[in-house]
C-alpha atoms as a PDB file:
ATOM      1  CA  UNK A   1      99.276 107.262 108.874  1.00  0.00           C
ATOM      2  CA  UNK A   2      96.071 106.836 110.885  1.00  0.00           C
ATOM      3  CA  UNK A   3      95.395 106.083 114.534  1.00  0.00           C
ATOM      4  CA  UNK A   4      98.594 107.792 115.693  1.00  0.00           C
ATOM      5  CA  UNK A   5      98.583 110.877 117.896  1.00  0.00           C
ATOM      6  CA  UNK A   6     101.655 113.056 117.522  1.00  0.00           C
ATOM      7  CA  UNK A   7     102.833 114.480 120.814  1.00  0.00           C
ATOM      8  CA  UNK A   8     104.580 117.856 121.012  1.00  0.00           C
ATOM      9  CA  UNK A   9     108.347 117.719 121.390  1.00  0.00           C
ATOM     10  CA  UNK A  10     109.211 118.213 125.084  1.00  0.00           C
ATOM     11  CA  UNK A  11     110.927 121.475 125.874  1.00  0.00           C
ATOM     12  CA  UNK A  12     114.368 121.476 127.426  1.00  0.00           C
ATOM     13  CA  UNK A  13     114.039 122.591 131.064  1.00  0.00           C
ATOM     14  CA  UNK A  14     115.547 125.983 131.855  1.00  0.00           C
ATOM     15  CA  UNK A  15     118.011 125.863 134.767  1.00  0.00           C
ATOM     16  CA  UNK A  16     116.750 127.820 137.751  1.00  0.00           C
ATOM     17  CA  UNK A  17     119.921 129.908 137.875  1.00  0.00           C
ATOM     18  CA  UNK A  18     119.284 131.193 134.369  1.00  0.00           C
ATOM     19  CA  UNK A  19     115.568 131.799 134.741  1.00  0.00           C
ATOM     20  CA  UNK A  20     114.058 135.227 135.142  1.00  0.00           C
ATOM     21  CA  UNK A  21     110.891 134.986 137.187  1.00  0.00           C
ATOM     22  CA  UNK A  22     108.429 137.438 138.693  1.00  0.00           C
ATOM     23  CA  UNK A  23     109.918 138.807 141.900  1.00  0.00           C
ATOM     24  CA  UNK A  24     108.193 137.354 144.972  1.00  0.00           C
ATOM     25  CA  UNK A  25     107.009 139.999 147.387  1.00  0.00           C
ATOM     26  CA  UNK A  26     108.743 138.111 150.183  1.00  0.00           C
ATOM     27  CA  UNK A  27     111.826 140.200 149.315  1.00  0.00           C
ATOM     28  CA  UNK A  28     109.955 143.281 150.534  1.00  0.00           C
ATOM     29  CA  UNK A  29     110.163 141.890 154.082  1.00  0.00           C
ATOM     30  CA  UNK A  30     113.933 141.454 154.010  1.00  0.00           C
ATOM     31  CA  UNK A  31     116.193 143.754 156.007  1.00  0.00           C
ATOM     32  CA  UNK A  32     118.593 145.789 153.892  1.00  0.00           C
ATOM     33  CA  UNK A  33     121.560 147.939 154.981  1.00  0.00           C
ATOM     34  CA  UNK A  34     120.262 151.342 156.054  1.00  0.00           C
ATOM     35  CA  UNK A  35     122.578 153.181 153.634  1.00  0.00           C
ATOM     36  CA  UNK A  36     121.222 151.300 150.583  1.00  0.00           C
ATOM     37  CA  UNK A  37     118.320 152.304 148.332  1.00  0.00           C
ATOM     38  CA  UNK A  38     116.062 149.449 149.444  1.00  0.00           C
ATOM     39  CA  UNK A  39     117.137 150.047 153.048  1.00  0.00           C
ATOM     40  CA  UNK A  40     115.939 153.649 152.730  1.00  0.00           C
ATOM     41  CA  UNK A  41     112.535 152.575 151.386  1.00  0.00           C
ATOM     42  CA  UNK A  42     109.629 151.479 153.549  1.00  0.00           C
ATOM     43  CA  UNK A  43     107.925 148.155 152.870  1.00  0.00           C
ATOM     44  CA  UNK A  44     105.065 149.725 150.897  1.00  0.00           C
ATOM     45  CA  UNK A  45     107.462 151.275 148.392  1.00  0.00           C
ATOM     46  CA  UNK A  46     109.537 148.100 148.121  1.00  0.00           C
ATOM     47  CA  UNK A  47     106.368 146.144 147.365  1.00  0.00           C
ATOM     48  CA  UNK A  48     105.403 148.656 144.688  1.00  0.00           C
ATOM     49  CA  UNK A  49     108.747 148.168 142.934  1.00  0.00           C
ATOM     50  CA  UNK A  50     108.861 144.395 143.324  1.00  0.00           C
ATOM     51  CA  UNK A  51     105.322 144.020 141.973  1.00  0.00           C
ATOM     52  CA  UNK A  52     106.583 145.089 138.528  1.00  0.00           C
ATOM     53  CA  UNK A  53     110.026 143.479 138.663  1.00  0.00           C
ATOM     54  CA  UNK A  54     111.865 140.346 137.589  1.00  0.00           C
ATOM     55  CA  UNK A  55     114.508 138.441 139.521  1.00  0.00           C
ATOM     56  CA  UNK A  56     117.822 137.390 138.026  1.00  0.00           C
ATOM     57  CA  UNK A  57     120.491 135.227 139.669  1.00  0.00           C
ATOM     58  CA  UNK A  58     124.240 135.626 139.218  1.00  0.00           C
ATOM     59  CA  UNK A  59     126.347 132.746 140.520  1.00  0.00           C
ATOM     60  CA  UNK A  60     129.500 133.264 142.583  1.00  0.00           C
ATOM     61  CA  UNK A  61     132.459 133.780 140.273  1.00  0.00           C
ATOM     62  CA  UNK A  62     130.269 134.401 137.208  1.00  0.00           C
ATOM     63  CA  UNK A  63     130.455 137.588 135.136  1.00  0.00           C
ATOM     64  CA  UNK A  64     127.852 139.211 132.950  1.00  0.00           C
ATOM     65  CA  UNK A  65     127.369 142.388 130.933  1.00  0.00           C
ATOM     66  CA  UNK A  66     124.258 144.359 131.884  1.00  0.00           C
ATOM     67  CA  UNK A  67     122.674 147.111 129.830  1.00  0.00           C
ATOM     68  CA  UNK A  68     120.631 149.804 131.557  1.00  0.00           C
ATOM     69  CA  UNK A  69     118.847 151.330 128.575  1.00  0.00           C
ATOM     70  CA  UNK A  70     115.519 149.715 129.472  1.00  0.00           C
ATOM     71  CA  UNK A  71     115.808 148.564 133.078  1.00  0.00           C
ATOM     72  CA  UNK A  72     117.042 149.660 136.483  1.00  0.00           C
ATOM     73  CA  UNK A  73     118.676 146.887 138.520  1.00  0.00           C
ATOM     74  CA  UNK A  74     118.970 146.487 142.291  1.00  0.00           C
ATOM     75  CA  UNK A  75     120.908 143.896 144.311  1.00  0.00           C
ATOM     76  CA  UNK A  76     118.559 141.937 146.567  1.00  0.00           C
ATOM     77  CA  UNK A  77     121.058 139.559 148.138  1.00  0.00           C
ATOM     78  CA  UNK A  78     124.787 138.879 147.945  1.00  0.00           C
ATOM     79  CA  UNK A  79     127.789 140.932 146.855  1.00  0.00           C
ATOM     80  CA  UNK A  80     129.027 141.767 143.385  1.00  0.00           C
ATOM     81  CA  UNK A  81     131.601 143.961 141.711  1.00  0.00           C
ATOM     82  CA  UNK A  82     130.415 146.558 139.215  1.00  0.00           C
ATOM     83  CA  UNK A  83     132.611 148.190 136.574  1.00  0.00           C
ATOM     84  CA  UNK A  84     131.988 150.061 133.317  1.00  0.00           C
ATOM     85  CA  UNK A  85     132.370 147.704 130.372  1.00  0.00           C
ATOM     86  CA  UNK A  86     135.185 149.892 129.031  1.00  0.00           C
ATOM     87  CA  UNK A  87     136.662 150.643 132.477  1.00  0.00           C
ATOM     88  CA  UNK A  88     139.808 149.333 134.132  1.00  0.00           C
ATOM     89  CA  UNK A  89     140.120 147.371 137.406  1.00  0.00           C
ATOM     90  CA  UNK A  90     140.408 150.534 139.532  1.00  0.00           C
ATOM     91  CA  UNK A  91     136.934 151.578 138.343  1.00  0.00           C
ATOM     92  CA  UNK A  92     135.530 148.486 140.064  1.00  0.00           C
ATOM     93  CA  UNK A  93     133.053 149.153 142.888  1.00  0.00           C
ATOM     94  CA  UNK A  94     131.420 146.875 145.431  1.00  0.00           C
ATOM     95  CA  UNK A  95     127.649 146.581 145.457  1.00  0.00           C
ATOM     96  CA  UNK A  96     125.716 144.861 148.223  1.00  0.00           C
ATOM     97  CA  UNK A  97     122.088 144.124 149.119  1.00  0.00           C
ATOM     98  CA  UNK A  98     119.766 147.045 148.401  1.00  0.00           C
ATOM     99  CA  UNK A  99     122.161 148.916 146.077  1.00  0.00           C
ATOM    100  CA  UNK A 100     121.153 150.165 142.628  1.00  0.00           C
ATOM    101  CA  UNK A 101     123.565 149.211 139.874  1.00  0.00           C
ATOM    102  CA  UNK A 102     124.946 152.120 137.835  1.00  0.00           C
ATOM    103  CA  UNK A 103     122.780 154.609 139.720  1.00  0.00           C
ATOM    104  CA  UNK A 104     124.221 157.485 137.695  1.00  0.00           C
ATOM    105  CA  UNK A 105     122.275 156.130 134.706  1.00  0.00           C
ATOM    106  CA  UNK A 106     118.864 156.098 136.425  1.00  0.00           C
ATOM    107  CA  UNK A 107     117.789 159.341 134.780  1.00  0.00           C
ATOM    108  CA  UNK A 108     119.978 159.042 131.686  1.00  0.00           C
ATOM    109  CA  UNK A 109     117.846 157.984 128.694  1.00  0.00           C
ATOM    110  CA  UNK A 110     120.915 156.426 127.048  1.00  0.00           C
ATOM    111  CA  UNK A 111     121.427 154.164 130.058  1.00  0.00           C
ATOM    112  CA  UNK A 112     124.753 152.793 131.238  1.00  0.00           C
ATOM    113  CA  UNK A 113     126.532 149.561 130.376  1.00  0.00           C
ATOM    114  CA  UNK A 114     128.390 147.660 133.093  1.00  0.00           C
ATOM    115  CA  UNK A 115     130.066 144.353 133.789  1.00  0.00           C
ATOM    116  CA  UNK A 116     129.146 142.621 137.050  1.00  0.00           C
ATOM    117  CA  UNK A 117     131.042 139.806 138.754  1.00  0.00           C
ATOM    118  CA  UNK A 118     129.545 137.711 141.528  1.00  0.00           C
ATOM    119  CA  UNK A 119     131.721 137.908 144.639  1.00  0.00           C
ATOM    120  CA  UNK A 120     128.987 135.822 146.245  1.00  0.00           C
ATOM    121  CA  UNK A 121     125.948 134.151 144.699  1.00  0.00           C
ATOM    122  CA  UNK A 122     123.829 137.216 144.036  1.00  0.00           C
ATOM    123  CA  UNK A 123     120.150 137.897 143.415  1.00  0.00           C
ATOM    124  CA  UNK A 124     119.268 140.955 141.327  1.00  0.00           C
ATOM    125  CA  UNK A 125     115.936 142.541 140.546  1.00  0.00           C
ATOM    126  CA  UNK A 126     115.236 144.485 137.363  1.00  0.00           C
ATOM    127  CA  UNK A 127     112.490 147.093 136.967  1.00  0.00           C
ATOM    128  CA  UNK A 128     111.648 148.737 133.665  1.00  0.00           C
ATOM    129  CA  UNK A 129     113.189 152.193 133.451  1.00  0.00           C
ATOM    130  CA  UNK A 130     109.829 153.739 132.527  1.00  0.00           C
ATOM    131  CA  UNK A 131     108.078 152.124 135.497  1.00  0.00           C
ATOM    132  CA  UNK A 132     110.881 153.045 137.895  1.00  0.00           C
ATOM    133  CA  UNK A 133     110.978 156.712 136.887  1.00  0.00           C
ATOM    134  CA  UNK A 134     107.172 156.867 136.980  1.00  0.00           C
ATOM    135  CA  UNK A 135     107.119 155.512 140.539  1.00  0.00           C
ATOM    136  CA  UNK A 136     109.712 158.081 141.636  1.00  0.00           C
ATOM    137  CA  UNK A 137     107.584 160.860 140.151  1.00  0.00           C
ATOM    138  CA  UNK A 138     104.450 159.661 141.911  1.00  0.00           C
ATOM    139  CA  UNK A 139     106.047 158.900 145.297  1.00  0.00           C
ATOM    140  CA  UNK A 140     108.257 161.655 146.748  1.00  0.00           C
ATOM    141  CA  UNK A 141     109.458 159.420 149.576  1.00  0.00           C
ATOM    142  CA  UNK A 142     110.914 156.995 147.042  1.00  0.00           C
ATOM    143  CA  UNK A 143     112.737 159.866 145.336  1.00  0.00           C
ATOM    144  CA  UNK A 144     114.106 160.990 148.720  1.00  0.00           C
ATOM    145  CA  UNK A 145     115.271 157.440 149.467  1.00  0.00           C
ATOM    146  CA  UNK A 146     117.097 157.315 146.133  1.00  0.00           C
ATOM    147  CA  UNK A 147     118.822 160.635 146.848  1.00  0.00           C
ATOM    148  CA  UNK A 148     119.945 159.474 150.310  1.00  0.00           C
ATOM    149  CA  UNK A 149     121.292 156.170 149.018  1.00  0.00           C
ATOM    150  CA  UNK A 150     123.149 157.823 146.128  1.00  0.00           C
ATOM    151  CA  UNK A 151     124.784 160.261 148.584  1.00  0.00           C
ATOM    152  CA  UNK A 152     125.874 157.365 150.792  1.00  0.00           C
ATOM    153  CA  UNK A 153     127.254 155.451 147.830  1.00  0.00           C
ATOM    154  CA  UNK A 154     129.196 158.486 146.648  1.00  0.00           C
ATOM    155  CA  UNK A 155     130.637 158.728 150.156  1.00  0.00           C
ATOM    156  CA  UNK A 156     131.647 155.055 150.005  1.00  0.00           C
ATOM    157  CA  UNK A 157     133.281 155.315 146.577  1.00  0.00           C
ATOM    158  CA  UNK A 158     135.115 158.483 147.615  1.00  0.00           C
ATOM    159  CA  UNK A 159     136.362 156.798 150.798  1.00  0.00           C
ATOM    160  CA  UNK A 160     137.846 153.926 148.790  1.00  0.00           C
ATOM    161  CA  UNK A 161     139.525 156.255 146.303  1.00  0.00           C
ATOM    162  CA  UNK A 162     140.953 158.610 148.951  1.00  0.00           C
ATOM    163  CA  UNK A 163     141.847 156.260 151.799  1.00  0.00           C
ATOM    164  CA  UNK A 164     142.294 152.811 150.257  1.00  0.00           C
ATOM    165  CA  UNK A 165     144.001 153.253 146.887  1.00  0.00           C
ATOM    166  CA  UNK A 166     146.951 155.184 148.310  1.00  0.00           C
ATOM    167  CA  UNK A 167     150.510 154.155 149.222  1.00  0.00           C
ATOM    168  CA  UNK A 168     152.732 151.330 148.029  1.00  0.00           C
ATOM    169  CA  UNK A 169     151.338 147.951 147.049  1.00  0.00           C
ATOM    170  CA  UNK A 170     151.508 146.339 150.506  1.00  0.00           C
ATOM    171  CA  UNK A 171     149.866 149.347 152.137  1.00  0.00           C
ATOM    172  CA  UNK A 172     147.061 149.419 149.549  1.00  0.00           C
ATOM    173  CA  UNK A 173     146.338 145.735 150.117  1.00  0.00           C
ATOM    174  CA  UNK A 174     146.333 146.172 153.900  1.00  0.00           C
ATOM    175  CA  UNK A 175     144.079 149.236 153.588  1.00  0.00           C
ATOM    176  CA  UNK A 176     141.623 147.349 151.397  1.00  0.00           C
ATOM    177  CA  UNK A 177     141.460 144.487 153.894  1.00  0.00           C
ATOM    178  CA  UNK A 178     140.814 146.975 156.714  1.00  0.00           C
ATOM    179  CA  UNK A 179     138.047 148.537 154.646  1.00  0.00           C
ATOM    180  CA  UNK A 180     136.485 145.127 153.960  1.00  0.00           C
ATOM    181  CA  UNK A 181     136.556 144.226 157.663  1.00  0.00           C
ATOM    182  CA  UNK A 182     134.682 147.458 158.446  1.00  0.00           C
ATOM    183  CA  UNK A 183     132.261 147.238 155.527  1.00  0.00           C
ATOM    184  CA  UNK A 184     131.500 143.523 155.189  1.00  0.00           C
ATOM    185  CA  UNK A 185     133.367 141.731 157.967  1.00  0.00           C
ATOM    186  CA  UNK A 186     131.770 139.167 160.265  1.00  0.00           C
ATOM    187  CA  UNK A 187     133.070 138.806 163.814  1.00  0.00           C
ATOM    188  CA  UNK A 188     134.647 135.390 164.429  1.00  0.00           C
ATOM    189  CA  UNK A 189     136.092 135.074 167.913  1.00  0.00           C
ATOM    190  CA  UNK A 190     138.574 137.912 168.392  1.00  0.00           C
ATOM    191  CA  UNK A 191     139.009 138.323 164.639  1.00  0.00           C
ATOM    192  CA  UNK A 192     136.987 139.246 161.571  1.00  0.00           C
ATOM    193  CA  UNK A 193     136.045 137.050 158.587  1.00  0.00           C
ATOM    194  CA  UNK A 194     135.818 138.372 155.021  1.00  0.00           C
ATOM    195  CA  UNK A 195     133.939 135.970 152.762  1.00  0.00           C
ATOM    196  CA  UNK A 196     133.649 135.746 148.994  1.00  0.00           C
ATOM    197  CA  UNK A 197     136.848 137.489 147.896  1.00  0.00           C
ATOM    198  CA  UNK A 198     139.631 135.805 145.968  1.00  0.00           C
ATOM    199  CA  UNK A 199     143.189 137.123 145.792  1.00  0.00           C
ATOM    200  CA  UNK A 200     142.487 138.114 142.178  1.00  0.00           C
ATOM    201  CA  UNK A 201     139.502 140.204 143.369  1.00  0.00           C
ATOM    202  CA  UNK A 202     141.762 142.038 145.821  1.00  0.00           C
ATOM    203  CA  UNK A 203     144.484 142.549 143.199  1.00  0.00           C
ATOM    204  CA  UNK A 204     141.944 144.080 140.807  1.00  0.00           C
ATOM    205  CA  UNK A 205     140.497 146.330 143.522  1.00  0.00           C
ATOM    206  CA  UNK A 206     143.819 147.936 144.467  1.00  0.00           C
ATOM    207  CA  UNK A 207     145.544 147.861 141.079  1.00  0.00           C
ATOM    208  CA  UNK A 208     148.179 145.290 142.077  1.00  0.00           C
ATOM    209  CA  UNK A 209     149.486 142.118 140.475  1.00  0.00           C
ATOM    210  CA  UNK A 210     148.283 138.709 141.656  1.00  0.00           C
ATOM    211  CA  UNK A 211     151.886 137.858 142.621  1.00  0.00           C
ATOM    212  CA  UNK A 212     152.076 140.928 144.879  1.00  0.00           C
ATOM    213  CA  UNK A 213     148.881 139.911 146.659  1.00  0.00           C
ATOM    214  CA  UNK A 214     150.137 136.336 147.087  1.00  0.00           C
ATOM    215  CA  UNK A 215     153.382 137.622 148.610  1.00  0.00           C
ATOM    216  CA  UNK A 216     151.450 139.928 150.945  1.00  0.00           C
ATOM    217  CA  UNK A 217     149.275 137.096 152.254  1.00  0.00           C
ATOM    218  CA  UNK A 218     152.280 134.793 152.614  1.00  0.00           C
ATOM    219  CA  UNK A 219     153.963 137.341 154.884  1.00  0.00           C
ATOM    220  CA  UNK A 220     150.766 137.981 156.848  1.00  0.00           C
ATOM    221  CA  UNK A 221     150.197 134.271 157.427  1.00  0.00           C
ATOM    222  CA  UNK A 222     153.757 133.889 158.698  1.00  0.00           C
ATOM    223  CA  UNK A 223     153.179 136.812 161.085  1.00  0.00           C
ATOM    224  CA  UNK A 224     149.914 135.264 162.308  1.00  0.00           C
ATOM    225  CA  UNK A 225     147.870 138.283 161.204  1.00  0.00           C
ATOM    226  CA  UNK A 226     145.588 136.404 158.795  1.00  0.00           C
ATOM    227  CA  UNK A 227     144.621 132.919 157.709  1.00  0.00           C
ATOM    228  CA  UNK A 228     143.171 132.122 154.288  1.00  0.00           C
ATOM    229  CA  UNK A 229     141.019 129.475 152.668  1.00  0.00           C
ATOM    230  CA  UNK A 230     139.068 129.370 149.410  1.00  0.00           C
ATOM    231  CA  UNK A 231     137.431 132.823 149.134  1.00  0.00           C
ATOM    232  CA  UNK A 232     137.668 133.256 152.911  1.00  0.00           C
ATOM    233  CA  UNK A 233     140.080 135.582 154.717  1.00  0.00           C
ATOM    234  CA  UNK A 234     140.189 135.510 158.517  1.00  0.00           C
ATOM    235  CA  UNK A 235     141.853 138.582 159.971  1.00  0.00           C
ATOM    236  CA  UNK A 236     143.073 137.006 163.190  1.00  0.00           C
ATOM    237  CA  UNK A 237     144.689 140.174 164.530  1.00  0.00           C
ATOM    238  CA  UNK A 238     142.764 143.243 163.256  1.00  0.00           C
ATOM    239  CA  UNK A 239     144.828 145.586 165.451  1.00  0.00           C
ATOM    240  CA  UNK A 240     148.099 144.468 163.870  1.00  0.00           C
ATOM    241  CA  UNK A 241     146.643 144.751 160.356  1.00  0.00           C
ATOM    242  CA  UNK A 242     145.438 148.288 161.036  1.00  0.00           C
ATOM    243  CA  UNK A 243     148.847 149.233 162.401  1.00  0.00           C
ATOM    244  CA  UNK A 244     150.190 148.697 158.875  1.00  0.00           C
ATOM    245  CA  UNK A 245     147.939 151.313 157.250  1.00  0.00           C
ATOM    246  CA  UNK A 246     148.982 154.499 159.030  1.00  0.00           C
ATOM    247  CA  UNK A 247     146.261 157.034 159.788  1.00  0.00           C
ATOM    248  CA  UNK A 248     143.503 155.505 157.654  1.00  0.00           C
ATOM    249  CA  UNK A 249     140.135 156.139 159.385  1.00  0.00           C
ATOM    250  CA  UNK A 250     137.561 153.418 159.937  1.00  0.00           C
ATOM    251  CA  UNK A 251     134.761 153.256 157.412  1.00  0.00           C
ATOM    252  CA  UNK A 252     131.549 154.473 159.013  1.00  0.00           C
ATOM    253  CA  UNK A 253     128.205 154.501 157.222  1.00  0.00           C
END
């Protein structure tokens, strides 16, 4: 056939949520919690990491298996739950902006495999393991920031295991809500709002059944202690909720 120009077949567009793109350096100007790895780094070191990184998005409610053999991953924005692929619900840990995922595997050449679940829509950054370890070796302040953040995260995980996952089912649920108000809560009037958590998330975190969590919230709503909506818990009376948990201390970073 002559006189006909064959055009290339158009490519199917890749949804933005699934795309992995070069990390914009604008993330280096964000404010991160002081206890986190990125919060412990200065802007120069954050820029150095982001310049060789890729961004990945995890939607709220989505789950994904991540493998750390070749890359180190850090949460840039949002909240997710991290658990070993072979682990049970009580091995689940919260990770927020600035946290490294599976930090225990940073220096392990075999890496670490985890499942992550988006409590909120979450943005992650991945840096090649070789590049990450090389930067730590060349920049002592980055190594010191990693050590500080890992110590803080160990403190957080220990706090949850010692003070939250103790007592009968109702007490464990109340303790976890008190912890969430301290760790992630947002002041709303005289109360505190916890966003992004479903009742299933709470059941998994404290090792309880979904029915037990539903019964707990039903009783708390009747008492006027909390109100609930889709993935939103308003602790209307934080003092009354804390009265149910005995001598549990407040979480302090």
